[in-house]
Amino acid sequence: MGNVLMVANYEPDVGYAWNFIQQFWVVLANKFPGRCHLA
């Protein structure tokens, strides 16, 4: 089975709206456990 990649546009500690956006990544990680990568 193939893996899922989430892509960030900034460094991980930039804050602001990215604190909100990372919640979508967590939803995907829960939906596809063990198969999610983040760049």
PDB file of all heavy atoms in Angstrom:
ATOM      1  N   MET A   1       0.843  -1.196   0.000  1.00  0.00           N
ATOM      2  CA  MET A   1       0.000   0.000   0.000  1.00  0.00           C
ATOM      3  C   MET A   1       0.876   1.242   0.000  1.00  0.00           C
ATOM      4  O   MET A   1       1.878   1.320   0.711  1.00  0.00           O
ATOM      5  CB  MET A   1      -0.921  -0.003   1.216  1.00  0.00           C
ATOM      6  CG  MET A   1      -1.917  -1.160   1.246  1.00  0.00           C
ATOM      7  SD  MET A   1      -2.880  -1.221   2.759  1.00  0.00           S
ATOM      8  CE  MET A   1      -3.869   0.259   2.573  1.00  0.00           C
ATOM      9  N   GLY A   2       0.499   2.244  -0.798  1.00  0.00           N
ATOM     10  CA  GLY A   2       1.277   3.468  -0.893  1.00  0.00           C
ATOM     11  C   GLY A   2       1.091   4.366   0.316  1.00  0.00           C
ATOM     12  O   GLY A   2       0.127   4.241   1.082  1.00  0.00           O
ATOM     13  N   ASN A   3       2.020   5.293   0.487  1.00  0.00           N
ATOM     14  CA  ASN A   3       2.003   6.201   1.618  1.00  0.00           C
ATOM     15  C   ASN A   3       1.392   7.558   1.261  1.00  0.00           C
ATOM     16  O   ASN A   3       1.227   7.894   0.083  1.00  0.00           O
ATOM     17  CB  ASN A   3       3.426   6.387   2.147  1.00  0.00           C
ATOM     18  CG  ASN A   3       3.959   5.120   2.781  1.00  0.00           C
ATOM     19  OD1 ASN A   3       3.240   4.416   3.487  1.00  0.00           O
ATOM     20  ND2 ASN A   3       5.224   4.807   2.510  1.00  0.00           N
ATOM     21  N   VAL A   4       1.085   8.330   2.309  1.00  0.00           N
ATOM     22  CA  VAL A   4       0.485   9.654   2.169  1.00  0.00           C
ATOM     23  C   VAL A   4       1.531  10.697   2.549  1.00  0.00           C
ATOM     24  O   VAL A   4       2.196  10.577   3.577  1.00  0.00           O
ATOM     25  CB  VAL A   4      -0.754   9.798   3.079  1.00  0.00           C
ATOM     26  CG1 VAL A   4      -1.350  11.204   2.954  1.00  0.00           C
ATOM     27  CG2 VAL A   4      -1.793   8.735   2.752  1.00  0.00           C
ATOM     28  N   LEU A   5       1.671  11.727   1.719  1.00  0.00           N
ATOM     29  CA  LEU A   5       2.607  12.814   2.006  1.00  0.00           C
ATOM     30  C   LEU A   5       1.856  14.118   2.220  1.00  0.00           C
ATOM     31  O   LEU A   5       1.072  14.549   1.368  1.00  0.00           O
ATOM     32  CB  LEU A   5       3.595  12.989   0.850  1.00  0.00           C
ATOM     33  CG  LEU A   5       4.550  14.188   0.964  1.00  0.00           C
ATOM     34  CD1 LEU A   5       5.504  14.005   2.144  1.00  0.00           C
ATOM     35  CD2 LEU A   5       5.312  14.403  -0.335  1.00  0.00           C
ATOM     36  N   MET A   6       2.117  14.772   3.364  1.00  0.00           N
ATOM     37  CA  MET A   6       1.643  16.130   3.610  1.00  0.00           C
ATOM     38  C   MET A   6       2.825  17.075   3.410  1.00  0.00           C
ATOM     39  O   MET A   6       3.949  16.736   3.801  1.00  0.00           O
ATOM     40  CB  MET A   6       1.094  16.287   5.022  1.00  0.00           C
ATOM     41  CG  MET A   6      -0.180  15.499   5.284  1.00  0.00           C
ATOM     42  SD  MET A   6       0.109  13.856   5.965  1.00  0.00           S
ATOM     43  CE  MET A   6       0.545  14.259   7.643  1.00  0.00           C
ATOM     44  N   VAL A   7       2.571  18.224   2.822  1.00  0.00           N
ATOM     45  CA  VAL A   7       3.653  19.142   2.473  1.00  0.00           C
ATOM     46  C   VAL A   7       3.455  20.479   3.183  1.00  0.00           C
ATOM     47  O   VAL A   7       2.422  21.138   3.015  1.00  0.00           O
ATOM     48  CB  VAL A   7       3.732  19.354   0.952  1.00  0.00           C
ATOM     49  CG1 VAL A   7       4.845  20.343   0.609  1.00  0.00           C
ATOM     50  CG2 VAL A   7       3.975  18.017   0.245  1.00  0.00           C
ATOM     51  N   ALA A   8       4.451  20.875   3.976  1.00  0.00           N
ATOM     52  CA  ALA A   8       4.446  22.190   4.633  1.00  0.00           C
ATOM     53  C   ALA A   8       5.125  23.206   3.725  1.00  0.00           C
ATOM     54  O   ALA A   8       5.993  22.857   2.926  1.00  0.00           O
ATOM     55  CB  ALA A   8       5.169  22.109   5.972  1.00  0.00           C
ATOM     56  N   ASN A   9       4.757  24.452   3.874  1.00  0.00           N
ATOM     57  CA  ASN A   9       5.341  25.522   3.054  1.00  0.00           C
ATOM     58  C   ASN A   9       6.386  26.340   3.800  1.00  0.00           C
ATOM     59  O   ASN A   9       7.068  27.164   3.190  1.00  0.00           O
ATOM     60  CB  ASN A   9       4.246  26.470   2.554  1.00  0.00           C
ATOM     61  CG  ASN A   9       3.250  25.758   1.650  1.00  0.00           C
ATOM     62  OD1 ASN A   9       3.480  24.640   1.211  1.00  0.00           O
ATOM     63  ND2 ASN A   9       2.131  26.413   1.387  1.00  0.00           N
ATOM     64  N   TYR A  10       6.481  26.142   5.133  1.00  0.00           N
ATOM     65  CA  TYR A  10       7.403  26.912   5.951  1.00  0.00           C
ATOM     66  C   TYR A  10       8.062  25.987   6.966  1.00  0.00           C
ATOM     67  O   TYR A  10       7.744  24.802   7.062  1.00  0.00           O
ATOM     68  CB  TYR A  10       6.670  28.044   6.688  1.00  0.00           C
ATOM     69  CG  TYR A  10       6.004  29.038   5.765  1.00  0.00           C
ATOM     70  CD1 TYR A  10       4.658  28.924   5.438  1.00  0.00           C
ATOM     71  CD2 TYR A  10       6.731  30.083   5.205  1.00  0.00           C
ATOM     72  CE1 TYR A  10       4.045  29.839   4.584  1.00  0.00           C
ATOM     73  CE2 TYR A  10       6.128  30.996   4.358  1.00  0.00           C
ATOM     74  CZ  TYR A  10       4.794  30.868   4.045  1.00  0.00           C
ATOM     75  OH  TYR A  10       4.197  31.758   3.200  1.00  0.00           O
ATOM     76  N   GLU A  11       8.975  26.550   7.763  1.00  0.00           N
ATOM     77  CA  GLU A  11       9.588  25.779   8.837  1.00  0.00           C
ATOM     78  C   GLU A  11       8.528  25.410   9.865  1.00  0.00           C
ATOM     79  O   GLU A  11       7.498  26.074   9.977  1.00  0.00           O
ATOM     80  CB  GLU A  11      10.733  26.571   9.480  1.00  0.00           C
ATOM     81  CG  GLU A  11      10.337  27.856  10.159  1.00  0.00           C
ATOM     82  CD  GLU A  11      10.356  29.058   9.225  1.00  0.00           C
ATOM     83  OE1 GLU A  11      10.236  28.861   7.991  1.00  0.00           O
ATOM     84  OE2 GLU A  11      10.484  30.195   9.725  1.00  0.00           O
ATOM     85  N   PRO A  12       8.754  24.343  10.656  1.00  0.00           N
ATOM     86  CA  PRO A  12       7.688  23.823  11.526  1.00  0.00           C
ATOM     87  C   PRO A  12       7.268  24.731  12.665  1.00  0.00           C
ATOM     88  O   PRO A  12       6.171  24.574  13.207  1.00  0.00           O
ATOM     89  CB  PRO A  12       8.292  22.512  12.068  1.00  0.00           C
ATOM     90  CG  PRO A  12       9.754  22.635  11.873  1.00  0.00           C
ATOM     91  CD  PRO A  12       9.951  23.484  10.660  1.00  0.00           C
ATOM     92  N   ASP A  13       8.111  25.686  13.067  1.00  0.00           N
ATOM     93  CA  ASP A  13       7.763  26.530  14.206  1.00  0.00           C
ATOM     94  C   ASP A  13       7.359  27.944  13.800  1.00  0.00           C
ATOM     95  O   ASP A  13       7.469  28.886  14.578  1.00  0.00           O
ATOM     96  CB  ASP A  13       8.933  26.593  15.195  1.00  0.00           C
ATOM     97  CG  ASP A  13      10.269  26.901  14.517  1.00  0.00           C
ATOM     98  OD1 ASP A  13      10.288  27.078  13.286  1.00  0.00           O
ATOM     99  OD2 ASP A  13      11.294  26.932  15.235  1.00  0.00           O
ATOM    100  N   VAL A  14       6.839  28.108  12.566  1.00  0.00           N
ATOM    101  CA  VAL A  14       6.482  29.438  12.082  1.00  0.00           C
ATOM    102  C   VAL A  14       5.250  30.001  12.796  1.00  0.00           C
ATOM    103  O   VAL A  14       5.094  31.202  12.940  1.00  0.00           O
ATOM    104  CB  VAL A  14       6.266  29.421  10.544  1.00  0.00           C
ATOM    105  CG1 VAL A  14       5.005  28.654  10.179  1.00  0.00           C
ATOM    106  CG2 VAL A  14       6.207  30.836   9.983  1.00  0.00           C
ATOM    107  N   GLY A  15       4.348  29.113  13.254  1.00  0.00           N
ATOM    108  CA  GLY A  15       3.158  29.573  13.984  1.00  0.00           C
ATOM    109  C   GLY A  15       2.086  30.121  13.070  1.00  0.00           C
ATOM    110  O   GLY A  15       1.941  29.721  11.918  1.00  0.00           O
ATOM    111  N   TYR A  16       1.294  31.061  13.600  1.00  0.00           N
ATOM    112  CA  TYR A  16       0.175  31.694  12.884  1.00  0.00           C
ATOM    113  C   TYR A  16      -0.785  30.634  12.333  1.00  0.00           C
ATOM    114  O   TYR A  16      -1.106  29.671  13.019  1.00  0.00           O
ATOM    115  CB  TYR A  16       0.685  32.642  11.802  1.00  0.00           C
ATOM    116  CG  TYR A  16       1.348  33.878  12.385  1.00  0.00           C
ATOM    117  CD1 TYR A  16       2.735  33.974  12.442  1.00  0.00           C
ATOM    118  CD2 TYR A  16       0.591  34.907  12.915  1.00  0.00           C
ATOM    119  CE1 TYR A  16       3.342  35.095  13.016  1.00  0.00           C
ATOM    120  CE2 TYR A  16       1.183  36.029  13.482  1.00  0.00           C
ATOM    121  CZ  TYR A  16       2.559  36.111  13.528  1.00  0.00           C
ATOM    122  OH  TYR A  16       3.148  37.200  14.100  1.00  0.00           O
ATOM    123  N   ALA A  17      -1.237  30.785  11.092  1.00  0.00           N
ATOM    124  CA  ALA A  17      -2.257  29.888  10.553  1.00  0.00           C
ATOM    125  C   ALA A  17      -1.780  28.442  10.457  1.00  0.00           C
ATOM    126  O   ALA A  17      -2.593  27.518  10.413  1.00  0.00           O
ATOM    127  CB  ALA A  17      -2.699  30.373   9.178  1.00  0.00           C
ATOM    128  N   TRP A  18      -0.454  28.239  10.447  1.00  0.00           N
ATOM    129  CA  TRP A  18       0.045  26.867  10.328  1.00  0.00           C
ATOM    130  C   TRP A  18      -0.239  26.045  11.569  1.00  0.00           C
ATOM    131  O   TRP A  18      -0.271  24.807  11.517  1.00  0.00           O
ATOM    132  CB  TRP A  18       1.524  26.873   9.954  1.00  0.00           C
ATOM    133  CG  TRP A  18       1.658  27.272   8.512  1.00  0.00           C
ATOM    134  CD1 TRP A  18       1.819  28.537   8.013  1.00  0.00           C
ATOM    135  CD2 TRP A  18       1.531  26.417   7.373  1.00  0.00           C
ATOM    136  NE1 TRP A  18       1.821  28.507   6.636  1.00  0.00           N
ATOM    137  CE2 TRP A  18       1.643  27.233   6.221  1.00  0.00           C
ATOM    138  CE3 TRP A  18       1.343  25.049   7.219  1.00  0.00           C
ATOM    139  CZ2 TRP A  18       1.575  26.719   4.929  1.00  0.00           C
ATOM    140  CZ3 TRP A  18       1.276  24.534   5.933  1.00  0.00           C
ATOM    141  CH2 TRP A  18       1.384  25.356   4.814  1.00  0.00           C
ATOM    142  N   ASN A  19      -0.449  26.681  12.701  1.00  0.00           N
ATOM    143  CA  ASN A  19      -0.887  25.941  13.885  1.00  0.00           C
ATOM    144  C   ASN A  19      -2.262  25.334  13.661  1.00  0.00           C
ATOM    145  O   ASN A  19      -2.586  24.271  14.203  1.00  0.00           O
ATOM    146  CB  ASN A  19      -0.918  26.854  15.111  1.00  0.00           C
ATOM    147  CG  ASN A  19       0.466  27.251  15.572  1.00  0.00           C
ATOM    148  OD1 ASN A  19       1.452  26.567  15.280  1.00  0.00           O
ATOM    149  ND2 ASN A  19       0.557  28.365  16.287  1.00  0.00           N
ATOM    150  N   PHE A  20      -3.075  26.014  12.873  1.00  0.00           N
ATOM    151  CA  PHE A  20      -4.397  25.495  12.510  1.00  0.00           C
ATOM    152  C   PHE A  20      -4.279  24.415  11.431  1.00  0.00           C
ATOM    153  O   PHE A  20      -4.887  23.346  11.534  1.00  0.00           O
ATOM    154  CB  PHE A  20      -5.282  26.644  12.020  1.00  0.00           C
ATOM    155  CG  PHE A  20      -6.580  26.214  11.411  1.00  0.00           C
ATOM    156  CD1 PHE A  20      -7.621  25.748  12.198  1.00  0.00           C
ATOM    157  CD2 PHE A  20      -6.778  26.269  10.038  1.00  0.00           C
ATOM    158  CE1 PHE A  20      -8.830  25.356  11.636  1.00  0.00           C
ATOM    159  CE2 PHE A  20      -7.973  25.883   9.466  1.00  0.00           C
ATOM    160  CZ  PHE A  20      -9.012  25.419  10.271  1.00  0.00           C
ATOM    161  N   ILE A  21      -3.475  24.674  10.419  1.00  0.00           N
ATOM    162  CA  ILE A  21      -3.355  23.762   9.281  1.00  0.00           C
ATOM    163  C   ILE A  21      -2.820  22.397   9.702  1.00  0.00           C
ATOM    164  O   ILE A  21      -3.224  21.362   9.156  1.00  0.00           O
ATOM    165  CB  ILE A  21      -2.473  24.408   8.188  1.00  0.00           C
ATOM    166  CG1 ILE A  21      -3.235  25.577   7.550  1.00  0.00           C
ATOM    167  CG2 ILE A  21      -2.041  23.396   7.132  1.00  0.00           C
ATOM    168  CD1 ILE A  21      -2.392  26.477   6.679  1.00  0.00           C
ATOM    169  N   GLN A  22      -1.924  22.374  10.687  1.00  0.00           N
ATOM    170  CA  GLN A  22      -1.351  21.091  11.079  1.00  0.00           C
ATOM    171  C   GLN A  22      -2.399  20.146  11.677  1.00  0.00           C
ATOM    172  O   GLN A  22      -2.197  18.926  11.727  1.00  0.00           O
ATOM    173  CB  GLN A  22      -0.198  21.297  12.058  1.00  0.00           C
ATOM    174  CG  GLN A  22      -0.578  21.837  13.400  1.00  0.00           C
ATOM    175  CD  GLN A  22       0.629  22.236  14.238  1.00  0.00           C
ATOM    176  OE1 GLN A  22       1.754  22.290  13.739  1.00  0.00           O
ATOM    177  NE2 GLN A  22       0.427  22.511  15.516  1.00  0.00           N
ATOM    178  N   GLN A  23      -3.554  20.685  12.076  1.00  0.00           N
ATOM    179  CA  GLN A  23      -4.614  19.817  12.572  1.00  0.00           C
ATOM    180  C   GLN A  23      -5.174  18.915  11.472  1.00  0.00           C
ATOM    181  O   GLN A  23      -5.618  17.797  11.744  1.00  0.00           O
ATOM    182  CB  GLN A  23      -5.732  20.664  13.183  1.00  0.00           C
ATOM    183  CG  GLN A  23      -5.291  21.453  14.413  1.00  0.00           C
ATOM    184  CD  GLN A  23      -6.400  22.314  14.982  1.00  0.00           C
ATOM    185  OE1 GLN A  23      -7.333  21.815  15.606  1.00  0.00           O
ATOM    186  NE2 GLN A  23      -6.312  23.618  14.763  1.00  0.00           N
ATOM    187  N   PHE A  24      -5.140  19.387  10.228  1.00  0.00           N
ATOM    188  CA  PHE A  24      -5.571  18.545   9.111  1.00  0.00           C
ATOM    189  C   PHE A  24      -4.595  17.382   8.916  1.00  0.00           C
ATOM    190  O   PHE A  24      -5.003  16.270   8.570  1.00  0.00           O
ATOM    191  CB  PHE A  24      -5.667  19.366   7.821  1.00  0.00           C
ATOM    192  CG  PHE A  24      -6.737  20.428   7.853  1.00  0.00           C
ATOM    193  CD1 PHE A  24      -6.416  21.760   8.039  1.00  0.00           C
ATOM    194  CD2 PHE A  24      -8.074  20.092   7.697  1.00  0.00           C
ATOM    195  CE1 PHE A  24      -7.399  22.738   8.072  1.00  0.00           C
ATOM    196  CE2 PHE A  24      -9.075  21.060   7.725  1.00  0.00           C
ATOM    197  CZ  PHE A  24      -8.728  22.384   7.919  1.00  0.00           C
ATOM    198  N   TRP A  25      -3.308  17.631   9.145  1.00  0.00           N
ATOM    199  CA  TRP A  25      -2.313  16.561   9.030  1.00  0.00           C
ATOM    200  C   TRP A  25      -2.571  15.480  10.072  1.00  0.00           C
ATOM    201  O   TRP A  25      -2.434  14.287   9.788  1.00  0.00           O
ATOM    202  CB  TRP A  25      -0.903  17.136   9.205  1.00  0.00           C
ATOM    203  CG  TRP A  25      -0.535  18.191   8.217  1.00  0.00           C
ATOM    204  CD1 TRP A  25      -1.085  18.396   6.983  1.00  0.00           C
ATOM    205  CD2 TRP A  25       0.467  19.209   8.368  1.00  0.00           C
ATOM    206  NE1 TRP A  25      -0.494  19.470   6.362  1.00  0.00           N
ATOM    207  CE2 TRP A  25       0.461  19.987   7.193  1.00  0.00           C
ATOM    208  CE3 TRP A  25       1.357  19.528   9.385  1.00  0.00           C
ATOM    209  CZ2 TRP A  25       1.324  21.062   7.006  1.00  0.00           C
ATOM    210  CZ3 TRP A  25       2.223  20.605   9.209  1.00  0.00           C
ATOM    211  CH2 TRP A  25       2.202  21.355   8.030  1.00  0.00           C
ATOM    212  N   VAL A  26      -2.966  15.904  11.268  1.00  0.00           N
ATOM    213  CA  VAL A  26      -3.247  14.934  12.327  1.00  0.00           C
ATOM    214  C   VAL A  26      -4.458  14.074  11.961  1.00  0.00           C
ATOM    215  O   VAL A  26      -4.478  12.861  12.209  1.00  0.00           O
ATOM    216  CB  VAL A  26      -3.457  15.650  13.671  1.00  0.00           C
ATOM    217  CG1 VAL A  26      -3.934  14.671  14.748  1.00  0.00           C
ATOM    218  CG2 VAL A  26      -2.168  16.336  14.110  1.00  0.00           C
ATOM    219  N   VAL A  27      -5.473  14.686  11.348  1.00  0.00           N
ATOM    220  CA  VAL A  27      -6.645  13.926  10.903  1.00  0.00           C
ATOM    221  C   VAL A  27      -6.214  12.843   9.900  1.00  0.00           C
ATOM    222  O   VAL A  27      -6.648  11.683   9.981  1.00  0.00           O
ATOM    223  CB  VAL A  27      -7.708  14.853  10.276  1.00  0.00           C
ATOM    224  CG1 VAL A  27      -8.798  14.046   9.582  1.00  0.00           C
ATOM    225  CG2 VAL A  27      -8.321  15.743  11.341  1.00  0.00           C
ATOM    226  N   LEU A  28      -5.354  13.212   8.957  1.00  0.00           N
ATOM    227  CA  LEU A  28      -4.875  12.235   7.979  1.00  0.00           C
ATOM    228  C   LEU A  28      -4.059  11.139   8.657  1.00  0.00           C
ATOM    229  O   LEU A  28      -4.157   9.957   8.284  1.00  0.00           O
ATOM    230  CB  LEU A  28      -4.039  12.928   6.905  1.00  0.00           C
ATOM    231  CG  LEU A  28      -4.820  13.823   5.932  1.00  0.00           C
ATOM    232  CD1 LEU A  28      -3.866  14.518   4.965  1.00  0.00           C
ATOM    233  CD2 LEU A  28      -5.851  13.015   5.152  1.00  0.00           C
ATOM    234  N   ALA A  29      -3.247  11.510   9.639  1.00  0.00           N
ATOM    235  CA  ALA A  29      -2.448  10.511  10.354  1.00  0.00           C
ATOM    236  C   ALA A  29      -3.340   9.518  11.089  1.00  0.00           C
ATOM    237  O   ALA A  29      -3.028   8.326  11.168  1.00  0.00           O
ATOM    238  CB  ALA A  29      -1.502  11.199  11.330  1.00  0.00           C
ATOM    239  N   ASN A  30      -4.452   9.994  11.625  1.00  0.00           N
ATOM    240  CA  ASN A  30      -5.394   9.102  12.301  1.00  0.00           C
ATOM    241  C   ASN A  30      -6.158   8.241  11.303  1.00  0.00           C
ATOM    242  O   ASN A  30      -6.515   7.097  11.599  1.00  0.00           O
ATOM    243  CB  ASN A  30      -6.373   9.915  13.146  1.00  0.00           C
ATOM    244  CG  ASN A  30      -5.709  10.581  14.326  1.00  0.00           C
ATOM    245  OD1 ASN A  30      -4.702  10.114  14.835  1.00  0.00           O
ATOM    246  ND2 ASN A  30      -6.263  11.704  14.777  1.00  0.00           N
ATOM    247  N   LYS A  31      -6.388   8.797  10.124  1.00  0.00           N
ATOM    248  CA  LYS A  31      -7.138   8.082   9.087  1.00  0.00           C
ATOM    249  C   LYS A  31      -6.275   7.004   8.422  1.00  0.00           C
ATOM    250  O   LYS A  31      -6.774   5.938   8.045  1.00  0.00           O
ATOM    251  CB  LYS A  31      -7.640   9.091   8.048  1.00  0.00           C
ATOM    252  CG  LYS A  31      -8.647   8.572   7.033  1.00  0.00           C
ATOM    253  CD  LYS A  31      -9.097   9.713   6.131  1.00  0.00           C
ATOM    254  CE  LYS A  31     -10.062   9.250   5.051  1.00  0.00           C
ATOM    255  NZ  LYS A  31     -11.391   8.947   5.585  1.00  0.00           N
ATOM    256  N   PHE A  32      -4.971   7.303   8.297  1.00  0.00           N
ATOM    257  CA  PHE A  32      -4.043   6.369   7.650  1.00  0.00           C
ATOM    258  C   PHE A  32      -2.840   6.128   8.567  1.00  0.00           C
ATOM    259  O   PHE A  32      -1.725   6.572   8.276  1.00  0.00           O
ATOM    260  CB  PHE A  32      -3.584   6.926   6.303  1.00  0.00           C
ATOM    261  CG  PHE A  32      -4.706   7.341   5.391  1.00  0.00           C
ATOM    262  CD1 PHE A  32      -4.934   8.679   5.107  1.00  0.00           C
ATOM    263  CD2 PHE A  32      -5.553   6.400   4.839  1.00  0.00           C
ATOM    264  CE1 PHE A  32      -5.972   9.069   4.272  1.00  0.00           C
ATOM    265  CE2 PHE A  32      -6.599   6.773   4.013  1.00  0.00           C
ATOM    266  CZ  PHE A  32      -6.806   8.110   3.728  1.00  0.00           C
ATOM    267  N   PRO A  33      -3.028   5.437   9.678  1.00  0.00           N
ATOM    268  CA  PRO A  33      -1.951   5.277  10.675  1.00  0.00           C
ATOM    269  C   PRO A  33      -0.725   4.548  10.115  1.00  0.00           C
ATOM    270  O   PRO A  33      -0.858   3.570   9.372  1.00  0.00           O
ATOM    271  CB  PRO A  33      -2.630   4.467  11.787  1.00  0.00           C
ATOM    272  CG  PRO A  33      -3.802   3.796  11.144  1.00  0.00           C
ATOM    273  CD  PRO A  33      -4.268   4.733  10.074  1.00  0.00           C
ATOM    274  N   GLY A  34       0.440   5.081  10.476  1.00  0.00           N
ATOM    275  CA  GLY A  34       1.693   4.464  10.079  1.00  0.00           C
ATOM    276  C   GLY A  34       2.110   4.702   8.646  1.00  0.00           C
ATOM    277  O   GLY A  34       3.160   4.215   8.214  1.00  0.00           O
ATOM    278  N   ARG A  35       1.330   5.500   7.902  1.00  0.00           N
ATOM    279  CA  ARG A  35       1.615   5.676   6.475  1.00  0.00           C
ATOM    280  C   ARG A  35       1.769   7.133   6.074  1.00  0.00           C
ATOM    281  O   ARG A  35       1.862   7.440   4.885  1.00  0.00           O
ATOM    282  CB  ARG A  35       0.494   5.024   5.654  1.00  0.00           C
ATOM    283  CG  ARG A  35       0.390   3.508   5.864  1.00  0.00           C
ATOM    284  CD  ARG A  35      -0.912   2.970   5.333  1.00  0.00           C
ATOM    285  NE  ARG A  35      -1.079   3.296   3.930  1.00  0.00           N
ATOM    286  CZ  ARG A  35      -2.243   3.215   3.293  1.00  0.00           C
ATOM    287  NH1 ARG A  35      -3.338   2.875   3.954  1.00  0.00           N
ATOM    288  NH2 ARG A  35      -2.326   3.505   2.016  1.00  0.00           N
ATOM    289  N   CYS A  36       1.800   8.027   7.063  1.00  0.00           N
ATOM    290  CA  CYS A  36       1.834   9.456   6.748  1.00  0.00           C
ATOM    291  C   CYS A  36       3.227  10.046   6.934  1.00  0.00           C
ATOM    292  O   CYS A  36       3.867   9.863   7.975  1.00  0.00           O
ATOM    293  CB  CYS A  36       0.825  10.214   7.607  1.00  0.00           C
ATOM    294  SG  CYS A  36      -0.894   9.915   7.114  1.00  0.00           S
ATOM    295  N   HIS A  37       3.667  10.773   5.923  1.00  0.00           N
ATOM    296  CA  HIS A  37       4.937  11.480   5.930  1.00  0.00           C
ATOM    297  C   HIS A  37       4.655  12.978   5.806  1.00  0.00           C
ATOM    298  O   HIS A  37       3.677  13.382   5.187  1.00  0.00           O
ATOM    299  CB  HIS A  37       5.812  11.029   4.764  1.00  0.00           C
ATOM    300  CG  HIS A  37       6.205   9.581   4.818  1.00  0.00           C
ATOM    301  ND1 HIS A  37       7.489   9.166   5.067  1.00  0.00           N
ATOM    302  CD2 HIS A  37       5.466   8.446   4.661  1.00  0.00           C
ATOM    303  CE1 HIS A  37       7.537   7.847   5.053  1.00  0.00           C
ATOM    304  NE2 HIS A  37       6.322   7.386   4.816  1.00  0.00           N
ATOM    305  N   LEU A  38       5.541  13.791   6.380  1.00  0.00           N
ATOM    306  CA  LEU A  38       5.406  15.249   6.328  1.00  0.00           C
ATOM    307  C   LEU A  38       6.734  15.855   5.904  1.00  0.00           C
ATOM    308  O   LEU A  38       7.762  15.598   6.537  1.00  0.00           O
ATOM    309  CB  LEU A  38       4.978  15.785   7.698  1.00  0.00           C
ATOM    310  CG  LEU A  38       4.943  17.305   7.890  1.00  0.00           C
ATOM    311  CD1 LEU A  38       4.003  17.972   6.900  1.00  0.00           C
ATOM    312  CD2 LEU A  38       4.536  17.640   9.328  1.00  0.00           C
ATOM    313  N   ALA A  39       6.711  16.650   4.841  1.00  0.00           N
ATOM    314  CA  ALA A  39       7.922  17.289   4.320  1.00  0.00           C
ATOM    315  C   ALA A  39       7.931  18.767   4.669  1.00  0.00           C
ATOM    316  O   ALA A  39       7.028  19.507   4.272  1.00  0.00           O
ATOM    317  CB  ALA A  39       8.010  17.101   2.808  1.00  0.00           C
TER     318      ALA A  39
END
